[in-house]
């Protein structure tokens, strides 16, 4: 597993993470549950990052929903 496999992931989370966390909080109704949901979604994205073509936001939002 090379670093290139996750190229752009850190930047993406830094750029969109706050807004996606807000979405997770709205979906769950609490900050704690939202953080857990967002973490679980990120774990799935990390596993599939190299295969996601285009903007990963749709994948993340679908995973959270």
C-alpha atoms as a PDB file:
ATOM      1  CA  UNK A   1       0.000   0.000   0.000  1.00  0.00           C
ATOM      2  CA  UNK A   2       1.813   3.058  -1.236  1.00  0.00           C
ATOM      3  CA  UNK A   3       1.172   6.639  -0.308  1.00  0.00           C
ATOM      4  CA  UNK A   4      -0.063   7.334  -3.846  1.00  0.00           C
ATOM      5  CA  UNK A   5      -3.028   5.062  -3.177  1.00  0.00           C
ATOM      6  CA  UNK A   6      -4.383   7.718  -0.796  1.00  0.00           C
ATOM      7  CA  UNK A   7      -3.229  10.734  -2.765  1.00  0.00           C
ATOM      8  CA  UNK A   8      -5.565  13.659  -2.233  1.00  0.00           C
ATOM      9  CA  UNK A   9      -7.453  12.131   0.692  1.00  0.00           C
ATOM     10  CA  UNK A  10      -5.970  14.423   3.344  1.00  0.00           C
ATOM     11  CA  UNK A  11      -6.658  17.478   1.230  1.00  0.00           C
ATOM     12  CA  UNK A  12     -10.218  16.365   0.540  1.00  0.00           C
ATOM     13  CA  UNK A  13     -11.002  15.822   4.230  1.00  0.00           C
ATOM     14  CA  UNK A  14      -9.399  19.162   5.135  1.00  0.00           C
ATOM     15  CA  UNK A  15     -11.485  20.907   2.488  1.00  0.00           C
ATOM     16  CA  UNK A  16     -14.874  19.199   2.920  1.00  0.00           C
ATOM     17  CA  UNK A  17     -14.693  17.513   6.327  1.00  0.00           C
ATOM     18  CA  UNK A  18     -16.418  20.227   8.343  1.00  0.00           C
ATOM     19  CA  UNK A  19     -19.424  20.380   6.035  1.00  0.00           C
ATOM     20  CA  UNK A  20     -19.700  16.612   5.865  1.00  0.00           C
ATOM     21  CA  UNK A  21     -19.521  16.406   9.655  1.00  0.00           C
ATOM     22  CA  UNK A  22     -22.381  18.906   9.865  1.00  0.00           C
ATOM     23  CA  UNK A  23     -24.402  16.686   7.549  1.00  0.00           C
ATOM     24  CA  UNK A  24     -23.681  13.668   9.752  1.00  0.00           C
ATOM     25  CA  UNK A  25     -24.773  15.613  12.839  1.00  0.00           C
ATOM     26  CA  UNK A  26     -28.025  16.595  11.137  1.00  0.00           C
ATOM     27  CA  UNK A  27     -28.646  12.984  10.122  1.00  0.00           C
ATOM     28  CA  UNK A  28     -28.100  11.629  13.625  1.00  0.00           C
ATOM     29  CA  UNK A  29     -29.387  14.455  15.793  1.00  0.00           C
ATOM     30  CA  UNK A  30     -26.324  14.767  18.030  1.00  0.00           C
ATOM     31  CA  UNK A  31     -22.697  15.757  17.686  1.00  0.00           C
ATOM     32  CA  UNK A  32     -21.387  12.539  19.240  1.00  0.00           C
ATOM     33  CA  UNK A  33     -23.431  10.280  16.978  1.00  0.00           C
ATOM     34  CA  UNK A  34     -22.582  12.486  13.988  1.00  0.00           C
ATOM     35  CA  UNK A  35     -18.877  12.171  14.695  1.00  0.00           C
ATOM     36  CA  UNK A  36     -19.228   8.389  14.921  1.00  0.00           C
ATOM     37  CA  UNK A  37     -21.174   8.256  11.656  1.00  0.00           C
ATOM     38  CA  UNK A  38     -18.659  10.486   9.878  1.00  0.00           C
ATOM     39  CA  UNK A  39     -15.760   8.374  11.169  1.00  0.00           C
ATOM     40  CA  UNK A  40     -17.403   5.175   9.929  1.00  0.00           C
ATOM     41  CA  UNK A  41     -18.047   6.731   6.516  1.00  0.00           C
ATOM     42  CA  UNK A  42     -14.439   7.901   6.290  1.00  0.00           C
ATOM     43  CA  UNK A  43     -13.217   4.408   7.115  1.00  0.00           C
ATOM     44  CA  UNK A  44     -15.191   3.059   4.161  1.00  0.00           C
ATOM     45  CA  UNK A  45     -13.901   5.807   1.894  1.00  0.00           C
ATOM     46  CA  UNK A  46     -10.306   5.056   2.877  1.00  0.00           C
ATOM     47  CA  UNK A  47     -10.787   1.403   1.925  1.00  0.00           C
ATOM     48  CA  UNK A  48     -12.191   2.373  -1.483  1.00  0.00           C
ATOM     49  CA  UNK A  49     -10.318   5.641  -2.112  1.00  0.00           C
ATOM     50  CA  UNK A  50      -8.251   4.346  -5.044  1.00  0.00           C
ATOM     51  CA  UNK A  51     -11.402   3.153  -6.836  1.00  0.00           C
ATOM     52  CA  UNK A  52     -13.525   6.271  -6.376  1.00  0.00           C
ATOM     53  CA  UNK A  53     -13.712   8.059  -9.709  1.00  0.00           C
ATOM     54  CA  UNK A  54     -14.474  11.768  -9.551  1.00  0.00           C
ATOM     55  CA  UNK A  55     -15.817  13.590  -6.517  1.00  0.00           C
ATOM     56  CA  UNK A  56     -16.048  11.292  -3.478  1.00  0.00           C
ATOM     57  CA  UNK A  57     -18.675  13.444  -1.772  1.00  0.00           C
ATOM     58  CA  UNK A  58     -21.572  11.491  -3.232  1.00  0.00           C
ATOM     59  CA  UNK A  59     -20.059   8.243  -2.002  1.00  0.00           C
ATOM     60  CA  UNK A  60     -19.551   9.696   1.471  1.00  0.00           C
ATOM     61  CA  UNK A  61     -23.058  11.135   1.669  1.00  0.00           C
ATOM     62  CA  UNK A  62     -24.619   7.893   0.453  1.00  0.00           C
ATOM     63  CA  UNK A  63     -22.579   5.947   3.002  1.00  0.00           C
ATOM     64  CA  UNK A  64     -23.769   8.221   5.800  1.00  0.00           C
ATOM     65  CA  UNK A  65     -27.401   8.028   4.716  1.00  0.00           C
END
